[in-house]
Amino acid sequence: MRTTISLDDDVAALLRRLRERSGKSLRELVNAALREGLPRLFQGREEHHRFVVRSLEVGRCLLPAVDDVAETLAAAEGEDFR
């Protein structure tokens, strides 16, 4: 199939660099890119592996209620925190 397409500047620059490196024609590069990319578009979003954060029991909080910043600093660093 013959067609005319308009490429964005960034895409054209990437194709130009690939063409210089590989020595392949623009037609070959565009076809290869479409063969690789089109199936992904049909599949929708790529599958992402779920990242799981495991909890770790570290015991109870060693500080008193942390509502009062001055009291918390005094407990954590001693009365000389100022």
C-alpha atoms as a PDB file:
ATOM      1  CA  MET A   1       0.000   0.000   0.000  1.00  0.00           C
ATOM      2  CA  ARG A   2       1.342   3.403  -0.905  1.00  0.00           C
ATOM      3  CA  THR A   3       0.428   6.357   1.247  1.00  0.00           C
ATOM      4  CA  THR A   4       1.655   9.754   2.368  1.00  0.00           C
ATOM      5  CA  ILE A   5       2.116  10.463   6.064  1.00  0.00           C
ATOM      6  CA  SER A   6       3.113  13.560   8.002  1.00  0.00           C
ATOM      7  CA  LEU A   7       5.601  12.847  10.766  1.00  0.00           C
ATOM      8  CA  ASP A   8       6.122  14.975  13.840  1.00  0.00           C
ATOM      9  CA  ASP A   9       9.594  16.505  14.060  1.00  0.00           C
ATOM     10  CA  ASP A  10      10.717  14.281  16.943  1.00  0.00           C
ATOM     11  CA  VAL A  11       9.624  11.106  15.139  1.00  0.00           C
ATOM     12  CA  ALA A  12      11.291  12.221  11.903  1.00  0.00           C
ATOM     13  CA  ALA A  13      14.530  12.936  13.781  1.00  0.00           C
ATOM     14  CA  LEU A  14      14.505   9.479  15.370  1.00  0.00           C
ATOM     15  CA  LEU A  15      13.868   7.834  12.015  1.00  0.00           C
ATOM     16  CA  ARG A  16      16.657   9.880  10.431  1.00  0.00           C
ATOM     17  CA  ARG A  17      19.120   8.758  13.125  1.00  0.00           C
ATOM     18  CA  LEU A  18      18.026   5.126  12.797  1.00  0.00           C
ATOM     19  CA  ARG A  19      18.359   5.311   9.034  1.00  0.00           C
ATOM     20  CA  GLU A  20      21.915   6.670   9.318  1.00  0.00           C
ATOM     21  CA  ARG A  21      22.913   4.003  11.857  1.00  0.00           C
ATOM     22  CA  SER A  22      21.285   1.004  10.246  1.00  0.00           C
ATOM     23  CA  GLY A  23      21.545   1.858   6.571  1.00  0.00           C
ATOM     24  CA  LYS A  24      17.943   0.712   6.138  1.00  0.00           C
ATOM     25  CA  SER A  25      15.404   2.608   4.075  1.00  0.00           C
ATOM     26  CA  LEU A  26      12.718   4.795   5.585  1.00  0.00           C
ATOM     27  CA  ARG A  27      10.145   2.297   4.343  1.00  0.00           C
ATOM     28  CA  GLU A  28      11.846  -0.597   6.166  1.00  0.00           C
ATOM     29  CA  LEU A  29      12.131   1.361   9.413  1.00  0.00           C
ATOM     30  CA  VAL A  30       8.527   2.603   9.380  1.00  0.00           C
ATOM     31  CA  ASN A  31       7.235  -0.902   8.635  1.00  0.00           C
ATOM     32  CA  ALA A  32       9.360  -2.402  11.434  1.00  0.00           C
ATOM     33  CA  ALA A  33       8.161   0.239  13.896  1.00  0.00           C
ATOM     34  CA  LEU A  34       4.523  -0.292  12.933  1.00  0.00           C
ATOM     35  CA  ARG A  35       4.863  -4.091  13.159  1.00  0.00           C
ATOM     36  CA  GLU A  36       6.232  -3.760  16.663  1.00  0.00           C
ATOM     37  CA  GLY A  37       3.936  -0.985  17.878  1.00  0.00           C
ATOM     38  CA  LEU A  38       0.531  -1.762  16.372  1.00  0.00           C
ATOM     39  CA  PRO A  39      -0.019  -5.031  18.267  1.00  0.00           C
ATOM     40  CA  ARG A  40       0.604  -3.141  21.511  1.00  0.00           C
ATOM     41  CA  LEU A  41      -2.091  -0.638  20.607  1.00  0.00           C
ATOM     42  CA  PHE A  42      -4.572  -3.455  20.008  1.00  0.00           C
ATOM     43  CA  GLN A  43      -3.727  -5.016  23.363  1.00  0.00           C
ATOM     44  CA  GLY A  44      -4.384  -1.763  25.156  1.00  0.00           C
ATOM     45  CA  ARG A  45      -2.118  -0.667  27.921  1.00  0.00           C
ATOM     46  CA  GLU A  46       0.930  -2.771  28.516  1.00  0.00           C
ATOM     47  CA  GLU A  47       0.662  -5.108  31.441  1.00  0.00           C
ATOM     48  CA  HIS A  48       2.315  -3.625  34.466  1.00  0.00           C
ATOM     49  CA  HIS A  49       3.645  -5.858  37.148  1.00  0.00           C
ATOM     50  CA  ARG A  50       2.074  -4.992  40.445  1.00  0.00           C
ATOM     51  CA  PHE A  51       4.547  -3.569  42.929  1.00  0.00           C
ATOM     52  CA  VAL A  52       3.984  -4.921  46.418  1.00  0.00           C
ATOM     53  CA  VAL A  53       5.313  -3.304  49.559  1.00  0.00           C
ATOM     54  CA  ARG A  54       5.502  -5.701  52.447  1.00  0.00           C
ATOM     55  CA  SER A  55       4.912  -4.369  55.924  1.00  0.00           C
ATOM     56  CA  LEU A  56       7.375  -4.935  58.705  1.00  0.00           C
ATOM     57  CA  GLU A  57       6.525  -5.022  62.391  1.00  0.00           C
ATOM     58  CA  VAL A  58       8.848  -2.623  64.199  1.00  0.00           C
ATOM     59  CA  GLY A  59       7.138  -2.552  67.563  1.00  0.00           C
ATOM     60  CA  ARG A  60       5.368   0.250  69.309  1.00  0.00           C
ATOM     61  CA  CYS A  61       6.259   3.917  68.945  1.00  0.00           C
ATOM     62  CA  LEU A  62       8.939   4.907  71.432  1.00  0.00           C
ATOM     63  CA  LEU A  63       7.822   8.534  71.555  1.00  0.00           C
ATOM     64  CA  PRO A  64       4.852   9.916  73.440  1.00  0.00           C
ATOM     65  CA  ALA A  65       1.957  11.421  71.480  1.00  0.00           C
ATOM     66  CA  VAL A  66       3.462  13.439  68.655  1.00  0.00           C
ATOM     67  CA  ASP A  67       0.750  16.107  68.611  1.00  0.00           C
ATOM     68  CA  ASP A  68       3.015  18.584  70.427  1.00  0.00           C
ATOM     69  CA  VAL A  69       6.159  19.152  68.358  1.00  0.00           C
ATOM     70  CA  ALA A  70       8.133  20.715  71.210  1.00  0.00           C
ATOM     71  CA  GLU A  71       7.319  17.816  73.536  1.00  0.00           C
ATOM     72  CA  THR A  72       8.233  15.281  70.858  1.00  0.00           C
ATOM     73  CA  LEU A  73      11.588  16.969  70.150  1.00  0.00           C
ATOM     74  CA  ALA A  74      12.324  17.139  73.859  1.00  0.00           C
ATOM     75  CA  ALA A  75      11.600  13.427  74.228  1.00  0.00           C
ATOM     76  CA  ALA A  76      13.613  12.470  71.142  1.00  0.00           C
ATOM     77  CA  GLU A  77      16.609  14.795  71.506  1.00  0.00           C
ATOM     78  CA  GLY A  78      16.532  15.830  75.131  1.00  0.00           C
ATOM     79  CA  GLU A  79      15.726  19.252  76.485  1.00  0.00           C
ATOM     80  CA  ASP A  80      18.701  20.794  74.613  1.00  0.00           C
ATOM     81  CA  PHE A  81      16.987  20.591  71.209  1.00  0.00           C
ATOM     82  CA  ARG A  82      16.472  24.369  71.069  1.00  0.00           C
END
